[in-house]
Amino acid sequence: MLALRDEGFRIIYLLLFLPLTGSLIYLSYSEYQHRKFGRKHNCVDPPTVQNNHLPFGLEHILNELKIIREHRKDESTKAQSQIYGATYQSKFISGTKHITTVEPANVKAVWTTNFSSWGVEPMRLFAFRPFIGPGVLITDGHAWRPARNLLQPAFTRAQIADLRLLKIHVDRLLAVLIANRGTIDLQPLFHQYGLDISSEFIFGKSVASLDPHTDPKDKERARLFLEAVDYCQTAVGKRMRLPHINILTLDPRFWQACRLVRSYIRSRVQQVTADYANMQSGQHSGSTRYILALELCKETKDEKVMQNQLLNVFIPAHGAAATTLMNCFFLLARHPKVYKKLRDEVLSTVTDLDENLQSSETIFVQLKALKYLQWVISETLRLHPPIGTISRVAKTASLLPIAGDDAIRRFRPALINKGDTVSVSLYALHRRTDIFGDDADSFRPERWQHLRPPYWAFAPFGGGPRHCPGQQLALVEISYTIATIVQTFSGIENRDPVKDFVERYRISTESRNGAKVYFPGQSTNGA
């Protein structure tokens, strides 16, 4: 009996000891290889932010959540980059590091030069999955590439420059602005506008939430959908900063909002699949436009896969244009001289926006020719990029070309181990005084008359293979919408008692106080 019991203990001991020993050997060998790789490339660590009061990197996580609650995440990152330099790191007891950089050479290395060494799935998949499911926005490699290729035809110049459908939505937006002769908050209005445009683009049929003839029940469903999207984005922003355990974000409202979002998109997908079935049977002809949802019908019959992929496109497509428009008019309301100068350019350059819509190429060229308008948009995107921070996780050991600002680090790389995270703060990068001038925190569109920043120093839509495929579409929508509004109204006034931009951090960053403005005069004759 004793011999059998001893034998049992020996087996249990081996079962526990051998895996632990193997893990320790593997970790030691990995650390040795990392150090060897670092010595080979003469690596040096970036400056380190000291977070030693709490174990396991908890101080860094708690501090991140604290500054988000205080609505100063982007400003805090900028302040730290001024203290520690263009590249700095926070260390965790687990051995991984979180590196923040506003160094253009490092941005290029992560986003394009060493693209295959970096991914988003380890960081995004857990946080986003209940909300939008696996898709082009949150996956890597074999799951990402086919979805990305499917999107490309939707963003050809012909599709981008066809603004006749856009005019319908702009007219509805203008009708709301004209009818409201008092203070109006543009933030919810631009989100409705963004929903109408993106649903037209993705599903081939708009939600038409700004159309006065839309059924009130459908308008209410659209309103609840936008509310749910808004809450989910806020919750996902928090989930990305916590360990990947659902119990840490045990928020019933988040899960309820996710169900509402997916239910709403499911109904749209079912409409599209029914239309596709009718097209296949010859009951009606298809659209000549490239409609993403219909193209997906050709690739899969799985409605859940379709929901995931379309949500992965909808969230950035809806957010980029709406947030940029809101931020732009937030700034214009506080700089009426810029608004007047912009209006003067539009009135003197563009003869008739509506007439030129018959020629897509003409209006495309005219919008690009409005130099001051392009400067205003660039300055808006510089000061308030829709996504303030873009992060990647190292899939293999890699290097950042420049470890820091001082004499030693400036000419030596930083070693990045597998599992480390590198975050590019576009907010802080776009406000570097050595690139954008001593008044980099000020709204001054005229700086773009002569400013030619390094390519990787100004990247509001990201860059490399994962750059936003809808960048040009968003810029055309933004340009046409701004030009139409300033052509219509002779002035703009700020009606928000809070003058400064107070950030509201979600997946994207927008004004916590919205954009409360008043348009004092409507121009009926374009003068």
Protein backbone atom coordinates (compact mmCIF):
# COMPACT_ATOMS: atom_id res chain seq x y z
CA MET A 1 0.00 0.00 0.00
CA LEU A 2 2.74 2.41 1.02
CA ALA A 3 4.66 1.66 -2.16
CA LEU A 4 1.60 2.38 -4.29
CA ARG A 5 0.96 5.64 -2.41
CA ASP A 6 4.59 6.72 -2.83
CA GLU A 7 4.37 5.88 -6.52
CA GLY A 8 1.22 7.99 -6.79
CA PHE A 9 2.91 10.97 -5.11
CA ARG A 10 5.88 10.55 -7.44
CA ILE A 11 3.61 10.67 -10.50
CA ILE A 12 1.76 13.76 -9.18
CA TYR A 13 5.10 15.40 -8.42
CA LEU A 14 6.35 14.74 -11.94
CA LEU A 15 3.12 15.98 -13.49
CA LEU A 16 3.43 19.26 -11.60
CA PHE A 17 7.19 19.70 -11.61
CA LEU A 18 8.02 18.88 -15.23
CA PRO A 19 5.68 21.44 -16.85
CA LEU A 20 6.83 24.12 -14.39
CA THR A 21 10.45 23.30 -15.04
CA GLY A 22 9.83 23.29 -18.78
CA SER A 23 8.15 26.70 -18.57
CA LEU A 24 11.04 28.16 -16.59
CA ILE A 25 13.56 26.77 -19.05
CA TYR A 26 11.56 28.15 -21.98
CA LEU A 27 11.25 31.60 -20.37
CA SER A 28 14.95 31.67 -19.51
CA TYR A 29 15.88 30.64 -23.03
CA SER A 30 13.53 33.23 -24.52
CA GLU A 31 15.02 35.93 -22.30
CA TYR A 32 18.52 34.84 -23.35
CA GLN A 33 17.54 35.03 -27.04
CA HIS A 34 15.96 38.47 -26.54
CA ARG A 35 19.08 39.80 -24.82
CA LYS A 36 21.28 38.27 -27.53
CA PHE A 37 19.11 39.93 -30.22
CA GLY A 38 19.32 43.22 -28.33
CA ARG A 39 23.11 43.08 -28.00
CA LYS A 40 23.45 42.23 -31.68
CA HIS A 41 21.61 45.41 -32.62
CA ASN A 42 23.18 47.57 -29.88
CA CYS A 43 19.76 48.23 -28.32
CA VAL A 44 19.03 50.52 -25.40
CA ASP A 45 15.86 50.93 -23.35
CA PRO A 46 13.70 54.05 -23.82
CA PRO A 47 13.22 56.28 -20.75
CA THR A 48 10.96 54.53 -18.24
CA VAL A 49 7.96 55.97 -16.43
CA GLN A 50 8.22 54.80 -12.84
CA ASN A 51 5.12 52.92 -11.64
CA ASN A 52 6.48 51.09 -8.62
CA HIS A 53 3.87 51.68 -5.96
CA LEU A 54 1.56 48.81 -6.95
CA PRO A 55 2.46 45.33 -8.30
CA PHE A 56 1.76 43.81 -11.73
CA GLY A 57 1.61 47.16 -13.51
CA LEU A 58 -1.66 48.00 -11.75
CA GLU A 59 -0.58 51.60 -11.20
CA HIS A 60 -0.26 52.15 -14.95
CA ILE A 61 -3.73 50.66 -15.59
CA LEU A 62 -5.38 52.60 -12.75
CA ASN A 63 -3.71 55.82 -13.87
CA GLU A 64 -4.98 55.25 -17.44
CA LEU A 65 -8.53 54.81 -16.18
CA LYS A 66 -8.20 57.85 -13.91
CA ILE A 67 -7.11 60.24 -16.65
CA ILE A 68 -9.90 58.92 -18.91
CA ARG A 69 -12.43 59.71 -16.15
CA GLU A 70 -10.89 63.17 -15.85
CA HIS A 71 -11.19 63.69 -19.63
CA ARG A 72 -7.49 64.34 -20.18
CA LYS A 73 -6.06 61.17 -21.69
CA ASP A 74 -4.60 62.81 -24.80
CA GLU A 75 -3.30 65.82 -22.90
CA SER A 76 -1.69 63.54 -20.31
CA THR A 77 0.14 61.62 -23.05
CA LYS A 78 1.37 64.86 -24.58
CA ALA A 79 2.59 66.06 -21.17
CA GLN A 80 4.50 62.80 -20.59
CA SER A 81 6.13 63.02 -24.02
CA GLN A 82 7.35 66.50 -23.08
CA ILE A 83 8.86 65.09 -19.88
CA TYR A 84 10.31 61.78 -21.09
CA GLY A 85 10.81 62.50 -24.78
CA ALA A 86 9.36 61.27 -28.06
CA THR A 87 9.59 57.61 -26.97
CA TYR A 88 9.15 56.25 -23.45
CA GLN A 89 7.96 53.07 -21.78
CA SER A 90 6.08 51.66 -18.80
CA LYS A 91 7.13 48.24 -17.50
CA PHE A 92 4.98 45.49 -16.02
CA ILE A 93 6.06 42.76 -13.61
CA SER A 94 4.83 40.23 -16.19
CA GLY A 95 7.85 41.32 -18.23
CA THR A 96 5.94 43.08 -21.02
CA LYS A 97 6.33 46.76 -21.79
CA HIS A 98 4.02 49.48 -23.06
CA ILE A 99 5.93 51.93 -25.24
CA THR A 100 4.48 55.27 -26.29
CA THR A 101 6.06 57.04 -29.25
CA VAL A 102 5.61 60.25 -31.21
CA GLU A 103 8.75 59.67 -33.27
CA PRO A 104 7.97 59.53 -37.05
CA ALA A 105 10.75 56.99 -37.76
CA ASN A 106 9.24 54.63 -35.16
CA VAL A 107 5.75 55.13 -36.55
CA LYS A 108 6.97 54.12 -40.00
CA ALA A 109 8.75 51.04 -38.62
CA VAL A 110 5.65 49.76 -36.81
CA TRP A 111 3.04 50.61 -39.42
CA THR A 112 4.83 49.63 -42.61
CA THR A 113 8.54 48.67 -42.61
CA ASN A 114 8.11 45.83 -40.09
CA PHE A 115 4.35 45.44 -40.62
CA SER A 116 4.36 41.63 -40.36
CA SER A 117 5.91 41.80 -36.87
CA TRP A 118 2.94 43.70 -35.46
CA GLY A 119 -0.73 42.99 -34.94
CA VAL A 120 -3.93 44.22 -33.30
CA GLU A 121 -5.76 40.97 -32.60
CA PRO A 122 -4.18 40.22 -29.18
CA MET A 123 -5.28 43.65 -28.00
CA ARG A 124 -8.57 44.29 -29.81
CA LEU A 125 -10.29 40.93 -30.24
CA PHE A 126 -11.31 40.46 -26.60
CA ALA A 127 -12.43 44.07 -26.17
CA PHE A 128 -14.43 44.35 -29.40
CA ARG A 129 -15.80 40.81 -29.90
CA PRO A 130 -19.14 41.22 -28.03
CA PHE A 131 -19.74 44.49 -29.90
CA ILE A 132 -18.76 43.88 -33.55
CA GLY A 133 -17.40 40.33 -33.69
CA PRO A 134 -14.26 39.21 -35.57
CA GLY A 135 -13.58 41.18 -38.74
CA VAL A 136 -11.25 43.47 -40.64
CA LEU A 137 -10.93 45.98 -37.79
CA ILE A 138 -9.77 43.59 -35.08
CA THR A 139 -8.09 40.58 -36.70
CA ASP A 140 -4.69 39.83 -38.22
CA GLY A 141 -3.17 37.65 -40.90
CA HIS A 142 -5.33 35.15 -42.76
CA ALA A 143 -8.54 36.41 -41.17
CA TRP A 144 -7.73 40.04 -42.01
CA ARG A 145 -6.38 39.95 -45.57
CA PRO A 146 -9.47 38.56 -47.44
CA ALA A 147 -11.77 40.99 -45.63
CA ARG A 148 -9.46 43.87 -46.48
CA ASN A 149 -9.35 42.87 -50.16
CA LEU A 150 -13.15 42.77 -50.25
CA LEU A 151 -13.29 46.42 -49.21
CA GLN A 152 -10.91 47.83 -51.80
CA PRO A 153 -13.35 48.08 -54.78
CA ALA A 154 -15.77 50.12 -52.65
CA PHE A 155 -13.22 52.91 -52.37
CA THR A 156 -12.32 53.47 -56.01
CA ARG A 157 -12.23 57.07 -57.22
CA ALA A 158 -15.44 56.55 -59.23
CA GLN A 159 -17.30 55.47 -56.10
CA ILE A 160 -15.76 58.27 -54.02
CA ALA A 161 -16.46 61.06 -56.49
CA ASP A 162 -20.14 60.20 -57.08
CA LEU A 163 -21.69 62.77 -54.76
CA ARG A 164 -25.23 62.77 -56.12
CA LEU A 165 -26.40 60.43 -53.37
CA LEU A 166 -24.50 62.47 -50.80
CA LYS A 167 -26.43 65.59 -51.85
CA ILE A 168 -29.69 64.00 -50.70
CA HIS A 169 -28.30 63.63 -47.18
CA VAL A 170 -26.68 67.07 -47.16
CA ASP A 171 -30.00 68.65 -48.18
CA ARG A 172 -31.74 66.91 -45.27
CA LEU A 173 -29.01 68.09 -42.91
CA LEU A 174 -29.37 71.67 -44.17
CA ALA A 175 -33.14 71.51 -43.78
CA VAL A 176 -32.72 70.71 -40.08
CA LEU A 177 -30.18 73.53 -39.63
CA ILE A 178 -32.34 76.05 -41.47
CA ALA A 179 -35.47 75.09 -39.52
CA ASN A 180 -33.66 75.49 -36.20
CA ARG A 181 -33.15 79.21 -35.70
CA GLY A 182 -31.70 78.93 -32.21
CA THR A 183 -28.78 77.17 -30.54
CA ILE A 184 -28.18 73.69 -31.91
CA ASP A 185 -25.79 70.94 -30.83
CA LEU A 186 -24.17 69.62 -34.00
CA GLN A 187 -22.78 66.49 -32.34
CA PRO A 188 -25.93 64.29 -32.37
CA LEU A 189 -26.94 65.79 -35.71
CA PHE A 190 -23.66 64.83 -37.38
CA HIS A 191 -23.92 61.33 -35.91
CA GLN A 192 -27.37 60.93 -37.49
CA TYR A 193 -25.96 62.32 -40.73
CA GLY A 194 -23.05 59.86 -40.55
CA LEU A 195 -25.47 56.98 -39.96
CA ASP A 196 -27.53 57.95 -43.01
CA ILE A 197 -24.48 58.17 -45.29
CA SER A 198 -22.71 55.04 -44.04
CA SER A 199 -25.88 52.91 -44.22
CA GLU A 200 -26.37 54.07 -47.83
CA PHE A 201 -22.79 53.17 -48.64
CA ILE A 202 -22.73 49.79 -46.86
CA PHE A 203 -26.27 48.47 -47.36
CA GLY A 204 -27.34 50.34 -50.50
CA LYS A 205 -30.28 51.88 -48.64
CA SER A 206 -30.07 54.67 -46.10
CA VAL A 207 -31.59 54.64 -42.64
CA ALA A 208 -32.75 58.19 -43.54
CA SER A 209 -32.93 59.30 -39.92
CA LEU A 210 -32.90 62.98 -41.01
CA ASP A 211 -35.64 62.51 -43.59
CA PRO A 212 -38.89 64.08 -42.26
CA HIS A 213 -40.90 61.44 -44.15
CA THR A 214 -39.23 58.47 -42.41
CA ASP A 215 -41.58 56.45 -40.18
CA PRO A 216 -41.25 57.73 -36.58
CA LYS A 217 -40.81 54.14 -35.37
CA ASP A 218 -37.83 53.70 -37.70
CA LYS A 219 -36.38 56.99 -36.49
CA GLU A 220 -36.72 55.82 -32.89
CA ARG A 221 -34.99 52.53 -33.71
CA ALA A 222 -32.16 54.48 -35.35
CA ARG A 223 -31.88 56.74 -32.31
CA LEU A 224 -31.67 53.78 -29.92
CA PHE A 225 -29.11 52.13 -32.21
CA LEU A 226 -26.87 55.23 -32.13
CA GLU A 227 -27.20 55.43 -28.34
CA ALA A 228 -26.17 51.77 -28.05
CA VAL A 229 -23.20 52.28 -30.43
CA ASP A 230 -22.10 55.27 -28.39
CA TYR A 231 -22.21 53.34 -25.11
CA CYS A 232 -20.46 50.31 -26.59
CA GLN A 233 -17.60 52.46 -27.88
CA THR A 234 -17.10 53.97 -24.43
CA ALA A 235 -17.14 50.54 -22.77
CA VAL A 236 -14.76 49.03 -25.35
CA GLY A 237 -12.31 51.87 -24.67
CA LYS A 238 -12.22 50.73 -21.03
CA ARG A 239 -12.04 47.02 -21.88
CA MET A 240 -8.92 47.62 -23.94
CA ARG A 241 -7.13 48.92 -20.86
CA LEU A 242 -8.01 46.12 -18.47
CA PRO A 243 -6.80 42.49 -18.29
CA HIS A 244 -8.80 40.27 -20.64
CA ILE A 245 -11.31 38.98 -18.09
CA ASN A 246 -15.00 39.72 -18.65
CA ILE A 247 -15.73 39.94 -14.93
CA LEU A 248 -13.63 43.13 -14.77
CA THR A 249 -16.13 44.81 -17.09
CA LEU A 250 -19.26 43.28 -15.64
CA ASP A 251 -21.53 45.96 -17.03
CA PRO A 252 -25.07 44.73 -17.87
CA ARG A 253 -25.73 47.87 -19.90
CA PHE A 254 -22.77 47.10 -22.17
CA TRP A 255 -23.99 43.60 -22.98
CA GLN A 256 -27.54 44.87 -23.51
CA ALA A 257 -26.23 47.59 -25.87
CA CYS A 258 -24.22 44.97 -27.80
CA ARG A 259 -27.37 42.89 -28.28
CA LEU A 260 -29.30 45.94 -29.52
CA VAL A 261 -26.55 46.89 -32.01
CA ARG A 262 -26.30 43.37 -33.40
CA SER A 263 -30.08 42.99 -33.58
CA TYR A 264 -30.36 46.22 -35.59
CA ILE A 265 -27.62 45.18 -38.03
CA ARG A 266 -29.13 41.68 -38.28
CA SER A 267 -32.38 43.17 -39.58
CA ARG A 268 -30.46 45.18 -42.20
CA VAL A 269 -28.51 42.07 -43.27
CA GLN A 270 -31.74 40.09 -43.62
CA GLN A 271 -33.13 42.80 -45.92
CA VAL A 272 -29.98 42.67 -48.06
CA THR A 273 -29.97 38.86 -48.30
CA ALA A 274 -33.64 38.94 -49.37
CA ASP A 275 -32.80 41.54 -52.05
CA TYR A 276 -29.87 39.41 -53.22
CA ALA A 277 -32.10 36.33 -53.48
CA ASN A 278 -34.56 38.32 -55.60
CA MET A 279 -31.71 39.50 -57.84
CA GLN A 280 -30.54 35.91 -58.29
CA SER A 281 -34.03 34.78 -59.23
CA GLY A 282 -34.38 37.66 -61.70
CA GLN A 283 -37.23 39.39 -59.88
CA HIS A 284 -35.36 42.71 -60.00
CA SER A 285 -32.06 43.99 -61.32
CA GLY A 286 -29.14 44.87 -59.08
CA SER A 287 -27.58 48.26 -58.48
CA THR A 288 -24.74 49.45 -60.68
CA ARG A 289 -23.03 50.79 -57.56
CA TYR A 290 -20.64 48.66 -55.51
CA ILE A 291 -22.69 47.84 -52.39
CA LEU A 292 -20.58 46.14 -49.75
CA ALA A 293 -23.37 44.07 -48.21
CA LEU A 294 -24.37 42.65 -51.61
CA GLU A 295 -20.75 41.76 -52.37
CA LEU A 296 -20.60 39.90 -49.05
CA CYS A 297 -23.66 37.89 -50.10
CA LYS A 298 -21.53 36.50 -52.93
CA GLU A 299 -18.84 35.39 -50.48
CA THR A 300 -20.88 33.84 -47.66
CA LYS A 301 -24.38 32.77 -46.72
CA ASP A 302 -23.57 32.97 -43.01
CA GLU A 303 -25.53 35.97 -41.71
CA LYS A 304 -23.47 36.19 -38.52
CA VAL A 305 -20.25 36.48 -40.53
CA MET A 306 -21.89 39.20 -42.61
CA GLN A 307 -22.99 41.07 -39.48
CA ASN A 308 -19.46 40.93 -38.08
CA GLN A 309 -17.76 42.15 -41.26
CA LEU A 310 -20.27 44.95 -41.86
CA LEU A 311 -20.05 46.16 -38.26
CA ASN A 312 -16.25 46.16 -38.59
CA VAL A 313 -16.68 48.59 -41.50
CA PHE A 314 -19.61 50.59 -40.15
CA ILE A 315 -18.01 51.67 -36.86
CA PRO A 316 -15.00 53.49 -38.41
CA ALA A 317 -16.97 54.63 -41.49
CA HIS A 318 -19.68 56.22 -39.35
CA GLY A 319 -17.29 57.69 -36.81
CA ALA A 320 -14.50 59.28 -38.87
CA ALA A 321 -16.58 61.74 -40.91
CA ALA A 322 -19.09 62.57 -38.15
CA THR A 323 -16.39 63.22 -35.54
CA THR A 324 -14.26 65.31 -37.90
CA LEU A 325 -17.23 67.44 -38.96
CA MET A 326 -18.19 68.02 -35.35
CA ASN A 327 -14.61 68.92 -34.37
CA CYS A 328 -14.30 71.25 -37.37
CA PHE A 329 -17.40 73.30 -36.53
CA PHE A 330 -16.40 73.26 -32.86
CA LEU A 331 -13.24 75.10 -33.94
CA LEU A 332 -14.89 77.34 -36.54
CA ALA A 333 -17.42 78.56 -33.96
CA ARG A 334 -14.50 79.76 -31.82
CA HIS A 335 -12.70 81.32 -34.79
CA PRO A 336 -15.31 83.35 -36.75
CA LYS A 337 -12.60 85.04 -38.86
CA VAL A 338 -11.55 81.63 -40.16
CA TYR A 339 -15.19 80.85 -40.97
CA LYS A 340 -15.51 84.13 -42.92
CA LYS A 341 -12.30 83.51 -44.84
CA LEU A 342 -13.44 79.98 -45.65
CA ARG A 343 -16.87 81.20 -46.78
CA ASP A 344 -15.31 83.87 -48.99
CA GLU A 345 -13.17 81.22 -50.70
CA VAL A 346 -16.15 78.92 -51.31
CA LEU A 347 -18.35 81.72 -52.68
CA SER A 348 -15.62 83.04 -54.98
CA THR A 349 -14.38 79.67 -56.23
CA VAL A 350 -17.35 77.33 -56.46
CA THR A 351 -20.02 78.58 -58.83
CA ASP A 352 -22.75 76.04 -58.10
CA LEU A 353 -22.18 72.92 -56.03
CA ASP A 354 -25.53 71.40 -57.02
CA GLU A 355 -25.02 71.97 -60.74
CA ASN A 356 -21.53 70.48 -60.69
CA LEU A 357 -22.80 67.30 -59.04
CA GLN A 358 -23.87 66.19 -62.51
CA SER A 359 -20.17 65.88 -63.27
CA SER A 360 -18.53 63.85 -60.50
CA GLU A 361 -15.06 64.61 -61.78
CA THR A 362 -15.73 68.36 -61.86
CA ILE A 363 -16.94 68.57 -58.26
CA PHE A 364 -14.12 66.29 -57.10
CA VAL A 365 -11.55 68.61 -58.68
CA GLN A 366 -13.31 71.75 -57.41
CA LEU A 367 -13.36 70.52 -53.83
CA LYS A 368 -9.67 69.63 -53.97
CA ALA A 369 -8.97 73.11 -55.42
CA LEU A 370 -10.45 74.85 -52.36
CA LYS A 371 -7.06 75.31 -50.70
CA TYR A 372 -8.24 77.09 -47.58
CA LEU A 373 -10.92 74.45 -47.05
CA GLN A 374 -8.26 71.74 -47.27
CA TRP A 375 -6.12 73.67 -44.77
CA VAL A 376 -9.07 73.95 -42.35
CA ILE A 377 -9.70 70.20 -42.58
CA SER A 378 -6.00 69.37 -42.16
CA GLU A 379 -5.76 71.67 -39.16
CA THR A 380 -8.85 70.05 -37.61
CA LEU A 381 -7.41 66.57 -38.13
CA ARG A 382 -4.06 67.72 -36.75
CA LEU A 383 -5.45 69.14 -33.51
CA HIS A 384 -8.20 66.57 -32.99
CA PRO A 385 -7.62 63.35 -34.95
CA PRO A 386 -10.69 61.07 -34.71
CA ILE A 387 -8.50 58.34 -33.23
CA GLY A 388 -6.11 59.95 -30.75
CA THR A 389 -3.96 56.84 -30.23
CA ILE A 390 -3.24 53.82 -32.46
CA SER A 391 -1.61 50.77 -30.85
CA ARG A 392 0.03 47.58 -32.06
CA VAL A 393 1.22 44.43 -30.26
CA ALA A 394 4.53 42.81 -31.20
CA LYS A 395 4.00 39.30 -32.62
CA THR A 396 7.76 38.67 -32.72
CA ALA A 397 10.89 40.37 -31.38
CA SER A 398 11.39 43.63 -33.25
CA LEU A 399 13.12 47.00 -33.12
CA LEU A 400 12.15 50.63 -32.88
CA PRO A 401 14.82 52.59 -34.81
CA ILE A 402 15.07 55.44 -32.30
CA ALA A 403 14.96 54.68 -28.56
CA GLY A 404 14.73 58.26 -27.30
CA ASP A 405 15.71 61.90 -27.65
CA ASP A 406 19.01 62.12 -25.77
CA ALA A 407 22.44 61.87 -27.37
CA ILE A 408 22.76 58.11 -26.76
CA ARG A 409 19.24 56.92 -27.53
CA ARG A 410 18.86 59.11 -30.62
CA PHE A 411 21.22 56.86 -32.58
CA ARG A 412 20.34 53.47 -31.06
CA PRO A 413 17.27 51.25 -31.44
CA ALA A 414 14.95 49.97 -28.72
CA LEU A 415 14.39 46.23 -28.32
CA ILE A 416 10.74 45.17 -28.51
CA ASN A 417 9.89 41.71 -27.22
CA LYS A 418 6.97 39.56 -28.31
CA GLY A 419 3.86 40.74 -26.44
CA ASP A 420 5.05 44.32 -25.93
CA THR A 421 2.67 47.09 -27.00
CA VAL A 422 3.63 50.22 -28.92
CA SER A 423 1.16 53.12 -28.96
CA VAL A 424 1.42 56.04 -31.37
CA SER A 425 -0.20 59.13 -29.86
CA LEU A 426 -1.38 61.05 -32.93
CA TYR A 427 -2.64 63.80 -30.64
CA ALA A 428 0.84 64.41 -29.18
CA LEU A 429 2.65 63.74 -32.48
CA HIS A 430 0.52 66.33 -34.30
CA ARG A 431 1.37 68.93 -31.65
CA ARG A 432 5.15 68.63 -31.76
CA THR A 433 6.45 72.20 -31.83
CA ASP A 434 9.63 71.20 -33.69
CA ILE A 435 7.46 70.00 -36.61
CA PHE A 436 4.33 72.18 -36.53
CA GLY A 437 5.66 75.38 -34.97
CA ASP A 438 5.72 77.04 -31.55
CA ASP A 439 1.96 77.61 -31.76
CA ALA A 440 1.25 73.92 -32.41
CA ASP A 441 -1.60 73.94 -29.85
CA SER A 442 -3.40 76.73 -31.73
CA PHE A 443 -5.94 76.48 -34.55
CA ARG A 444 -4.29 78.28 -37.46
CA PRO A 445 -5.13 76.83 -40.88
CA GLU A 446 -2.70 79.24 -42.59
CA ARG A 447 0.23 77.17 -41.30
CA TRP A 448 -0.53 74.66 -44.09
CA GLN A 449 0.32 77.19 -46.78
CA HIS A 450 4.00 76.36 -46.41
CA LEU A 451 3.99 73.44 -43.96
CA ARG A 452 5.11 70.12 -45.39
CA PRO A 453 5.49 67.77 -42.42
CA PRO A 454 7.31 64.45 -42.80
CA TYR A 455 4.89 61.82 -44.10
CA TRP A 456 4.82 59.87 -40.84
CA ALA A 457 4.45 63.01 -38.70
CA PHE A 458 0.89 63.70 -39.89
CA ALA A 459 -1.23 60.55 -40.17
CA PRO A 460 -4.80 61.15 -38.94
CA PHE A 461 -6.05 58.07 -40.82
CA GLY A 462 -3.14 55.79 -39.94
CA GLY A 463 -0.72 54.42 -42.51
CA GLY A 464 0.76 51.33 -44.09
CA PRO A 465 -1.28 48.25 -45.07
CA ARG A 466 -3.79 48.93 -42.26
CA HIS A 467 -4.43 52.58 -43.18
CA CYS A 468 -8.08 53.60 -43.29
CA PRO A 469 -9.34 52.47 -46.74
CA GLY A 470 -12.13 55.04 -46.59
CA GLN A 471 -9.80 58.01 -46.10
CA GLN A 472 -10.50 59.65 -49.46
CA LEU A 473 -14.23 58.95 -49.23
CA ALA A 474 -14.34 60.55 -45.77
CA LEU A 475 -12.38 63.59 -46.94
CA VAL A 476 -14.69 64.14 -49.92
CA GLU A 477 -17.78 63.82 -47.70
CA ILE A 478 -16.27 66.22 -45.15
CA SER A 479 -15.20 68.73 -47.83
CA TYR A 480 -18.55 68.77 -49.60
CA THR A 481 -20.52 69.03 -46.35
CA ILE A 482 -18.45 71.92 -44.97
CA ALA A 483 -18.48 73.78 -48.29
CA THR A 484 -22.27 73.45 -48.53
CA ILE A 485 -22.88 74.64 -44.97
CA VAL A 486 -20.57 77.68 -45.18
CA GLN A 487 -22.10 78.54 -48.56
CA THR A 488 -25.54 78.47 -46.94
CA PHE A 489 -24.91 80.39 -43.69
CA SER A 490 -23.22 83.78 -43.51
CA GLY A 491 -21.72 83.24 -40.05
CA ILE A 492 -21.38 81.01 -36.98
CA GLU A 493 -21.39 81.72 -33.24
CA ASN A 494 -20.24 79.60 -30.32
CA ARG A 495 -23.01 78.96 -27.79
CA ASP A 496 -21.03 76.73 -25.42
CA PRO A 497 -19.95 78.42 -22.14
CA VAL A 498 -16.95 76.06 -22.07
CA LYS A 499 -14.51 77.39 -24.64
CA ASP A 500 -11.82 74.69 -24.46
CA PHE A 501 -12.07 71.25 -26.03
CA VAL A 502 -12.83 68.75 -23.25
CA GLU A 503 -12.13 65.28 -24.56
CA ARG A 504 -14.58 62.42 -24.29
CA TYR A 505 -12.66 59.23 -24.82
CA ARG A 506 -14.33 56.29 -26.52
CA ILE A 507 -12.80 54.29 -29.36
CA SER A 508 -12.57 57.69 -30.98
CA THR A 509 -12.16 61.03 -29.22
CA GLU A 510 -14.71 63.82 -29.49
CA SER A 511 -15.86 66.86 -27.53
CA ARG A 512 -17.50 65.98 -24.23
CA ASN A 513 -19.64 69.12 -24.53
CA GLY A 514 -20.64 68.58 -28.15
CA ALA A 515 -20.58 71.52 -30.56
CA LYS A 516 -23.26 74.01 -29.52
CA VAL A 517 -23.50 76.73 -32.15
CA TYR A 518 -25.81 79.27 -33.75
CA PHE A 519 -25.94 80.10 -37.47
CA PRO A 520 -27.08 83.76 -37.53
CA GLY A 521 -27.87 84.22 -41.21
CA GLN A 522 -28.93 82.13 -44.19
CA SER A 523 -27.70 83.12 -47.64
CA THR A 524 -30.39 82.40 -50.21
CA ASN A 525 -28.47 83.61 -53.26
CA GLY A 526 -24.96 82.36 -52.53
CA ALA A 527 -23.70 85.82 -51.56
